[in-house]
Each structure stands twice: as structure tokens, then as C-alpha cells.
Amino acid sequence: MNAERFSSELSLDDVFDVLANRYRRRLLFALIDHNAQDDSTRVSADVTIEDENANHLKIQMVHTHLPKLDERGLIEWNRDSNQVEKGARFEDIRPLLELIRDHDD
């Protein structure tokens, strides 16, 4: 994705919408700590603990969660290789993600 494709900043509503889902938060949290020298990570189908929901979650990730994060520039998602990288706007929400992660009690 290209940073120029975004014409405006993320709104507060966009940020809350993205962070409202625990699977999107988990993916973004994983990217916080990811090694900057290898800034891509594979999205795993087993993001959830409940095995019976793994297929349903995979469908949700591919059709809802990853596209939503990609459209907002928070990740760059290569559908062919299923690679996810930090997007052009990831650093905009990093402080909020770190705050949420550090106070997740």
C-alpha cells in the first residue's frame, strides 16, 4: 500500500472501530513487538484458542479484519502470500496500542 492513497488522517471513530475487535487488536499488538529488521509476519489461522471456531475466524480475518486494517493503512496485507506488515499509519496508533496492551486488566 502507498501512503499517498490516504487523503485524511484516521478519525477517532475509525480508531475505535478498528480496536473494537479483539482479533484485530491481537494482530496489531503482535506487530508492536515484531522485529523491525524483518517487519513482516504470517497471519496464522489459529489466532483463537477455541478450535471449533478456527475456520470461522479464518474466514472473518480474510473477509473482514485484514481488509479493514489494510484499508485504513494500519497494515499492509499481501493476500497472495498472506503476509502482513506494519502499514503507513501504524505508528499513528502505536502509543494507544501500547497503552491498551500495558493496561489490559
Protein backbone atom coordinates (compact mmCIF):
# COMPACT_ATOMS: atom_id res chain seq x y z
CA MET A 1 0.00 0.00 0.00
CA ASN A 2 1.12 3.51 -0.67
CA ALA A 3 0.96 6.29 1.93
CA GLU A 4 -0.27 8.74 -0.73
CA ARG A 5 -3.53 6.83 -1.13
CA PHE A 6 -4.73 8.16 2.24
CA SER A 7 -6.26 11.58 1.87
CA SER A 8 -7.05 12.26 5.51
CA GLU A 9 -5.96 11.22 8.97
CA LEU A 10 -7.61 8.44 10.90
CA SER A 11 -10.64 9.69 12.75
CA LEU A 12 -11.28 8.78 16.36
CA ASP A 13 -14.28 6.76 15.16
CA ASP A 14 -12.00 4.80 12.78
CA VAL A 15 -9.58 4.04 15.59
CA PHE A 16 -12.34 2.88 17.94
CA ASP A 17 -13.92 0.81 15.16
CA VAL A 18 -10.62 -0.95 14.44
CA LEU A 19 -9.82 -1.56 18.11
CA ALA A 20 -13.33 -2.79 18.96
CA ASN A 21 -12.50 -6.31 17.80
CA ARG A 22 -10.14 -8.46 19.91
CA TYR A 23 -8.66 -10.27 16.92
CA ARG A 24 -7.72 -7.03 15.20
CA ARG A 25 -6.19 -5.82 18.49
CA ARG A 26 -4.21 -9.07 18.86
CA LEU A 27 -2.82 -8.72 15.36
CA LEU A 28 -1.84 -5.09 15.96
CA PHE A 29 -0.30 -5.98 19.34
CA ALA A 30 1.78 -8.69 17.64
CA LEU A 31 3.10 -6.11 15.18
CA ILE A 32 4.22 -3.79 18.01
CA ASP A 33 6.84 -6.25 19.20
CA HIS A 34 7.76 -7.67 15.82
CA ASN A 35 11.43 -7.39 14.85
CA ALA A 36 11.88 -4.26 12.77
CA GLN A 37 14.57 -5.92 10.62
CA ASP A 38 12.02 -8.49 9.45
CA ASP A 39 8.90 -6.33 9.53
CA SER A 40 6.51 -8.96 8.19
CA THR A 41 4.69 -11.74 9.91
CA ARG A 42 2.46 -14.55 8.73
CA VAL A 43 -1.16 -14.40 9.79
CA SER A 44 -2.00 -17.66 11.45
CA ALA A 45 -5.38 -19.36 11.22
CA ASP A 46 -5.05 -20.45 14.85
CA VAL A 47 -5.31 -16.99 16.39
CA THR A 48 -8.04 -18.28 18.66
CA ILE A 49 -7.95 -20.82 21.47
CA GLU A 50 -11.27 -22.44 20.57
CA ASP A 51 -10.51 -24.97 17.80
CA GLU A 52 -14.12 -25.21 16.69
CA ASN A 53 -14.03 -21.52 15.79
CA ALA A 54 -10.73 -21.59 13.87
CA ASN A 55 -12.34 -21.93 10.43
CA HIS A 56 -14.90 -19.24 11.20
CA LEU A 57 -12.14 -16.94 12.44
CA LYS A 58 -10.05 -17.56 9.33
CA ILE A 59 -13.00 -16.52 7.17
CA GLN A 60 -13.55 -13.40 9.30
CA MET A 61 -9.86 -12.49 9.14
CA VAL A 62 -9.71 -12.79 5.35
CA HIS A 63 -13.03 -11.11 4.59
CA THR A 64 -13.37 -8.56 7.39
CA HIS A 65 -10.48 -7.94 9.78
CA LEU A 66 -7.45 -7.87 7.47
CA PRO A 67 -9.21 -5.79 4.78
CA LYS A 68 -10.40 -3.29 7.39
CA LEU A 69 -6.90 -2.84 8.83
CA ASP A 70 -5.39 -2.66 5.35
CA GLU A 71 -7.91 -0.09 4.09
CA ARG A 72 -7.10 2.20 6.99
CA GLY A 73 -3.36 1.90 6.37
CA LEU A 74 -2.61 0.20 9.69
CA ILE A 75 -1.26 -2.90 7.98
CA GLU A 76 -0.11 -3.88 4.53
CA TRP A 77 -1.58 -7.26 3.65
CA ASN A 78 -0.47 -9.35 0.71
CA ARG A 79 -3.42 -11.64 0.00
CA ASP A 80 -1.39 -14.00 -2.18
CA SER A 81 1.34 -14.75 0.36
CA ASN A 82 -0.79 -13.93 3.43
CA GLN A 83 1.99 -11.64 4.65
CA VAL A 84 1.19 -8.79 7.00
CA GLU A 85 3.41 -5.80 7.66
CA LYS A 86 3.01 -2.57 9.55
CA GLY A 87 1.18 -0.07 7.40
CA ALA A 88 1.89 3.59 6.76
CA ARG A 89 -0.41 4.63 9.60
CA PHE A 90 0.64 2.02 12.15
CA GLU A 91 2.84 4.44 14.08
CA ASP A 92 -0.14 6.81 14.42
CA ILE A 93 -1.86 4.36 16.77
CA ARG A 94 1.19 2.67 18.33
CA PRO A 95 1.03 4.74 21.57
CA LEU A 96 -2.63 3.86 22.05
CA LEU A 97 -1.98 0.18 21.33
CA GLU A 98 0.86 0.12 23.85
CA LEU A 99 -1.32 1.81 26.46
CA ILE A 100 -4.12 -0.71 25.94
CA ARG A 101 -1.73 -3.67 25.97
CA ASP A 102 0.08 -2.47 29.08
CA HIS A 103 -3.20 -1.94 30.98
CA ASP A 104 -5.14 -4.96 29.80
CA ASP A 105 -6.55 -5.84 33.20
